[in-house]
PDB file of all heavy atoms in Angstrom:
ATOM      1  N   LEU A   1       0.766  -1.208   0.011  1.00  0.00           N
ATOM      2  CA  LEU A   1       0.030   0.003  -0.003  1.00  0.00           C
ATOM      3  C   LEU A   1       0.821   1.264  -0.003  1.00  0.00           C
ATOM      4  O   LEU A   1       0.460   2.249  -0.633  1.00  0.00           O
ATOM      5  CB  LEU A   1      -0.917  -0.035   1.230  1.00  0.00           C
ATOM      6  CG  LEU A   1      -2.040  -1.029   1.201  1.00  0.00           C
ATOM      7  CD1 LEU A   1      -2.855  -0.935   2.555  1.00  0.00           C
ATOM      8  CD2 LEU A   1      -3.008  -0.842   0.056  1.00  0.00           C
ATOM      9  N   ILE A   2       1.973   1.290   0.719  1.00  0.00           N
ATOM     10  CA  ILE A   2       2.755   2.478   0.786  1.00  0.00           C
ATOM     11  C   ILE A   2       3.854   2.571  -0.286  1.00  0.00           C
ATOM     12  O   ILE A   2       4.451   3.658  -0.420  1.00  0.00           O
ATOM     13  CB  ILE A   2       3.491   2.601   2.196  1.00  0.00           C
ATOM     14  CG1 ILE A   2       4.472   1.476   2.375  1.00  0.00           C
ATOM     15  CG2 ILE A   2       2.383   2.594   3.282  1.00  0.00           C
ATOM     16  CD1 ILE A   2       5.231   1.597   3.738  1.00  0.00           C
ATOM     17  N   GLY A   3       4.056   1.489  -1.008  1.00  0.00           N
ATOM     18  CA  GLY A   3       5.023   1.540  -2.134  1.00  0.00           C
ATOM     19  C   GLY A   3       6.451   1.402  -1.640  1.00  0.00           C
ATOM     20  O   GLY A   3       6.781   1.350  -0.436  1.00  0.00           O
ATOM     21  N   ASP A   4       7.340   1.343  -2.661  1.00  0.00           N
ATOM     22  CA  ASP A   4       8.754   1.047  -2.413  1.00  0.00           C
ATOM     23  C   ASP A   4       9.525   2.312  -1.869  1.00  0.00           C
ATOM     24  O   ASP A   4      10.599   2.158  -1.250  1.00  0.00           O
ATOM     25  CB  ASP A   4       9.413   0.563  -3.697  1.00  0.00           C
ATOM     26  CG  ASP A   4       8.889  -0.750  -4.112  1.00  0.00           C
ATOM     27  OD1 ASP A   4       8.428  -1.500  -3.207  1.00  0.00           O
ATOM     28  OD2 ASP A   4       8.945  -1.119  -5.307  1.00  0.00           O
ATOM     29  N   LYS A   5       9.051   3.549  -2.162  1.00  0.00           N
ATOM     30  CA  LYS A   5       9.749   4.662  -1.793  1.00  0.00           C
ATOM     31  C   LYS A   5       9.664   4.985  -0.297  1.00  0.00           C
ATOM     32  O   LYS A   5      10.480   5.695   0.253  1.00  0.00           O
ATOM     33  CB  LYS A   5       9.269   5.871  -2.632  1.00  0.00           C
ATOM     34  CG  LYS A   5       9.695   5.799  -4.081  1.00  0.00           C
ATOM     35  CD  LYS A   5       9.253   7.103  -4.816  1.00  0.00           C
ATOM     36  CE  LYS A   5       9.636   7.017  -6.244  1.00  0.00           C
ATOM     37  NZ  LYS A   5       9.264   8.222  -6.997  1.00  0.00           N
ATOM     38  N   CYS A   6       8.684   4.513   0.322  1.00  0.00           N
ATOM     39  CA  CYS A   6       8.517   4.754   1.770  1.00  0.00           C
ATOM     40  C   CYS A   6       9.240   3.718   2.610  1.00  0.00           C
ATOM     41  O   CYS A   6       9.064   2.515   2.355  1.00  0.00           O
ATOM     42  CB  CYS A   6       6.986   4.701   2.163  1.00  0.00           C
ATOM     43  SG  CYS A   6       6.641   5.206   3.806  1.00  0.00           S
ATOM     44  N   GLN A   7      10.122   4.165   3.470  1.00  0.00           N
ATOM     45  CA  GLN A   7      10.999   3.248   4.229  1.00  0.00           C
ATOM     46  C   GLN A   7      10.359   2.782   5.520  1.00  0.00           C
ATOM     47  O   GLN A   7       9.644   3.602   6.206  1.00  0.00           O
ATOM     48  CB  GLN A   7      12.309   3.946   4.566  1.00  0.00           C
ATOM     49  CG  GLN A   7      13.209   3.068   5.390  1.00  0.00           C
ATOM     50  CD  GLN A   7      13.722   1.849   4.693  1.00  0.00           C
ATOM     51  OE1 GLN A   7      14.331   1.959   3.578  1.00  0.00           O
ATOM     52  NE2 GLN A   7      13.382   0.685   5.139  1.00  0.00           N
ATOM     53  N   LEU A   8      10.420   1.503   5.743  1.00  0.00           N
ATOM     54  CA  LEU A   8       9.932   0.928   7.033  1.00  0.00           C
ATOM     55  C   LEU A   8      11.051   0.763   8.017  1.00  0.00           C
ATOM     56  O   LEU A   8      12.083   0.177   7.677  1.00  0.00           O
ATOM     57  CB  LEU A   8       9.269  -0.401   6.754  1.00  0.00           C
ATOM     58  CG  LEU A   8       7.901  -0.456   6.234  1.00  0.00           C
ATOM     59  CD1 LEU A   8       7.470  -1.934   5.879  1.00  0.00           C
ATOM     60  CD2 LEU A   8       6.887   0.034   7.214  1.00  0.00           C
ATOM     61  N   VAL A   9      10.837   1.255   9.262  1.00  0.00           N
ATOM     62  CA  VAL A   9      11.804   1.098  10.309  1.00  0.00           C
ATOM     63  C   VAL A   9      11.060   0.341  11.422  1.00  0.00           C
ATOM     64  O   VAL A   9      10.037   0.767  11.854  1.00  0.00           O
ATOM     65  CB  VAL A   9      12.337   2.432  10.896  1.00  0.00           C
ATOM     66  CG1 VAL A   9      13.236   2.265  12.073  1.00  0.00           C
ATOM     67  CG2 VAL A   9      13.000   3.206   9.787  1.00  0.00           C
ATOM     68  N   ILE A  10      11.599  -0.792  11.866  1.00  0.00           N
ATOM     69  CA  ILE A  10      10.927  -1.630  12.855  1.00  0.00           C
ATOM     70  C   ILE A  10      11.891  -1.736  14.054  1.00  0.00           C
ATOM     71  O   ILE A  10      13.037  -2.064  14.005  1.00  0.00           O
ATOM     72  CB  ILE A  10      10.728  -3.078  12.283  1.00  0.00           C
ATOM     73  CG1 ILE A  10      10.048  -3.001  10.962  1.00  0.00           C
ATOM     74  CG2 ILE A  10       9.910  -3.848  13.317  1.00  0.00           C
ATOM     75  CD1 ILE A  10       8.650  -2.479  10.918  1.00  0.00           C
ATOM     76  N   GLY A  11      11.244  -1.439  15.228  1.00  0.00           N
ATOM     77  CA  GLY A  11      11.930  -1.471  16.475  1.00  0.00           C
ATOM     78  C   GLY A  11      11.167  -2.323  17.509  1.00  0.00           C
ATOM     79  O   GLY A  11      10.065  -2.730  17.212  1.00  0.00           O
ATOM     80  N   GLY A  12      11.760  -2.523  18.668  1.00  0.00           N
ATOM     81  CA  GLY A  12      10.994  -3.267  19.709  1.00  0.00           C
ATOM     82  C   GLY A  12      11.682  -4.585  20.122  1.00  0.00           C
ATOM     83  O   GLY A  12      12.514  -5.108  19.402  1.00  0.00           O
ATOM     84  N   GLN A  13      11.254  -5.100  21.246  1.00  0.00           N
ATOM     85  CA  GLN A  13      11.875  -6.329  21.759  1.00  0.00           C
ATOM     86  C   GLN A  13      11.693  -7.569  20.940  1.00  0.00           C
ATOM     87  O   GLN A  13      12.340  -8.532  21.019  1.00  0.00           O
ATOM     88  CB  GLN A  13      11.296  -6.586  23.211  1.00  0.00           C
ATOM     89  CG  GLN A  13      11.642  -5.405  24.176  1.00  0.00           C
ATOM     90  CD  GLN A  13      11.052  -5.628  25.558  1.00  0.00           C
ATOM     91  OE1 GLN A  13      10.210  -6.469  25.660  1.00  0.00           O
ATOM     92  NE2 GLN A  13      11.484  -4.858  26.497  1.00  0.00           N
ATOM     93  N   ALA A  14      10.592  -7.550  20.138  1.00  0.00           N
ATOM     94  CA  ALA A  14      10.217  -8.728  19.358  1.00  0.00           C
ATOM     95  C   ALA A  14      10.701  -8.758  17.946  1.00  0.00           C
ATOM     96  O   ALA A  14      10.307  -9.651  17.180  1.00  0.00           O
ATOM     97  CB  ALA A  14       8.716  -8.912  19.380  1.00  0.00           C
ATOM     98  N   VAL A  15      11.583  -7.862  17.604  1.00  0.00           N
ATOM     99  CA  VAL A  15      12.084  -7.752  16.208  1.00  0.00           C
ATOM    100  C   VAL A  15      12.631  -9.100  15.728  1.00  0.00           C
ATOM    101  O   VAL A  15      12.426  -9.454  14.570  1.00  0.00           O
ATOM    102  CB  VAL A  15      13.067  -6.595  16.160  1.00  0.00           C
ATOM    103  CG1 VAL A  15      13.873  -6.666  14.842  1.00  0.00           C
ATOM    104  CG2 VAL A  15      12.425  -5.289  16.246  1.00  0.00           C
ATOM    105  N   ALA A  16      13.487  -9.689  16.588  1.00  0.00           N
ATOM    106  CA  ALA A  16      14.109 -10.884  16.137  1.00  0.00           C
ATOM    107  C   ALA A  16      13.129 -12.073  15.675  1.00  0.00           C
ATOM    108  O   ALA A  16      13.483 -12.901  14.923  1.00  0.00           O
ATOM    109  CB  ALA A  16      15.056 -11.439  17.221  1.00  0.00           C
ATOM    110  N   SER A  17      11.938 -11.964  16.259  1.00  0.00           N
ATOM    111  CA  SER A  17      10.945 -13.010  15.940  1.00  0.00           C
ATOM    112  C   SER A  17      10.338 -12.866  14.496  1.00  0.00           C
ATOM    113  O   SER A  17       9.639 -13.736  14.029  1.00  0.00           O
ATOM    114  CB  SER A  17       9.739 -12.982  16.935  1.00  0.00           C
ATOM    115  OG  SER A  17      10.233 -13.139  18.299  1.00  0.00           O
ATOM    116  N   PHE A  18      10.563 -11.715  13.861  1.00  0.00           N
ATOM    117  CA  PHE A  18       9.974 -11.467  12.648  1.00  0.00           C
ATOM    118  C   PHE A  18      11.102 -11.185  11.503  1.00  0.00           C
ATOM    119  O   PHE A  18      10.841 -10.508  10.512  1.00  0.00           O
ATOM    120  CB  PHE A  18       9.101 -10.203  12.663  1.00  0.00           C
ATOM    121  CG  PHE A  18       7.960 -10.382  13.678  1.00  0.00           C
ATOM    122  CD1 PHE A  18       8.078  -9.889  14.958  1.00  0.00           C
ATOM    123  CD2 PHE A  18       6.769 -11.036  13.354  1.00  0.00           C
ATOM    124  CE1 PHE A  18       7.050 -10.006  15.874  1.00  0.00           C
ATOM    125  CE2 PHE A  18       5.773 -11.212  14.306  1.00  0.00           C
ATOM    126  CZ  PHE A  18       5.893 -10.645  15.587  1.00  0.00           C
ATOM    127  N   SER A  19      12.215 -11.816  11.684  1.00  0.00           N
ATOM    128  CA  SER A  19      13.333 -11.590  10.780  1.00  0.00           C
ATOM    129  C   SER A  19      13.008 -11.830   9.292  1.00  0.00           C
ATOM    130  O   SER A  19      13.336 -11.006   8.400  1.00  0.00           O
ATOM    131  CB  SER A  19      14.568 -12.449  11.174  1.00  0.00           C
ATOM    132  OG  SER A  19      15.024 -12.057  12.479  1.00  0.00           O
ATOM    133  N   GLN A  20      12.336 -12.935   9.041  1.00  0.00           N
ATOM    134  CA  GLN A  20      12.060 -13.311   7.683  1.00  0.00           C
ATOM    135  C   GLN A  20      11.122 -12.271   6.986  1.00  0.00           C
ATOM    136  O   GLN A  20      11.440 -11.815   5.852  1.00  0.00           O
ATOM    137  CB  GLN A  20      11.428 -14.734   7.628  1.00  0.00           C
ATOM    138  CG  GLN A  20      11.226 -15.242   6.167  1.00  0.00           C
ATOM    139  CD  GLN A  20      12.495 -15.209   5.328  1.00  0.00           C
ATOM    140  OE1 GLN A  20      13.485 -15.881   5.780  1.00  0.00           O
ATOM    141  NE2 GLN A  20      12.546 -14.542   4.220  1.00  0.00           N
ATOM    142  N   VAL A  21       9.956 -11.939   7.591  1.00  0.00           N
ATOM    143  CA  VAL A  21       9.115 -11.034   6.902  1.00  0.00           C
ATOM    144  C   VAL A  21       9.731  -9.629   6.832  1.00  0.00           C
ATOM    145  O   VAL A  21       9.493  -8.876   5.894  1.00  0.00           O
ATOM    146  CB  VAL A  21       7.753 -10.909   7.622  1.00  0.00           C
ATOM    147  CG1 VAL A  21       7.909 -10.347   9.074  1.00  0.00           C
ATOM    148  CG2 VAL A  21       6.685 -10.176   6.829  1.00  0.00           C
ATOM    149  N   LEU A  22      10.636  -9.217   7.830  1.00  0.00           N
ATOM    150  CA  LEU A  22      11.274  -7.937   7.729  1.00  0.00           C
ATOM    151  C   LEU A  22      12.241  -7.908   6.563  1.00  0.00           C
ATOM    152  O   LEU A  22      12.345  -6.918   5.894  1.00  0.00           O
ATOM    153  CB  LEU A  22      11.986  -7.671   9.034  1.00  0.00           C
ATOM    154  CG  LEU A  22      11.119  -7.485  10.324  1.00  0.00           C
ATOM    155  CD1 LEU A  22      11.987  -7.048  11.502  1.00  0.00           C
ATOM    156  CD2 LEU A  22       9.996  -6.532  10.031  1.00  0.00           C
ATOM    157  N   ASP A  23      12.854  -9.083   6.275  1.00  0.00           N
ATOM    158  CA  ASP A  23      13.669  -9.151   5.046  1.00  0.00           C
ATOM    159  C   ASP A  23      12.784  -9.019   3.830  1.00  0.00           C
ATOM    160  O   ASP A  23      13.160  -8.339   2.879  1.00  0.00           O
ATOM    161  CB  ASP A  23      14.364 -10.521   5.043  1.00  0.00           C
ATOM    162  CG  ASP A  23      15.472 -10.637   6.048  1.00  0.00           C
ATOM    163  OD1 ASP A  23      15.844  -9.633   6.739  1.00  0.00           O
ATOM    164  OD2 ASP A  23      16.054 -11.771   6.278  1.00  0.00           O
ATOM    165  N   ASP A  24      11.611  -9.646   3.801  1.00  0.00           N
ATOM    166  CA  ASP A  24      10.787  -9.697   2.692  1.00  0.00           C
ATOM    167  C   ASP A  24      10.304  -8.295   2.317  1.00  0.00           C
ATOM    168  O   ASP A  24      10.134  -7.974   1.150  1.00  0.00           O
ATOM    169  CB  ASP A  24       9.581 -10.601   2.920  1.00  0.00           C
ATOM    170  CG  ASP A  24      10.037 -12.057   3.071  1.00  0.00           C
ATOM    171  OD1 ASP A  24      11.127 -12.492   2.590  1.00  0.00           O
ATOM    172  OD2 ASP A  24       9.205 -12.873   3.581  1.00  0.00           O
ATOM    173  N   VAL A  25      10.011  -7.473   3.348  1.00  0.00           N
ATOM    174  CA  VAL A  25       9.527  -6.157   3.040  1.00  0.00           C
ATOM    175  C   VAL A  25      10.503  -5.053   3.059  1.00  0.00           C
ATOM    176  O   VAL A  25      10.256  -3.860   2.950  1.00  0.00           O
ATOM    177  CB  VAL A  25       8.375  -5.779   4.054  1.00  0.00           C
ATOM    178  CG1 VAL A  25       7.194  -6.829   3.983  1.00  0.00           C
ATOM    179  CG2 VAL A  25       8.873  -5.690   5.464  1.00  0.00           C
TER     180      VAL A  25
END
């Protein structure tokens, strides 16, 4: 929805649990 130009920054204690999907997006 937000497109490729908008950067996603993910923080928090559970970041390591979502490594694969964070790579994907």
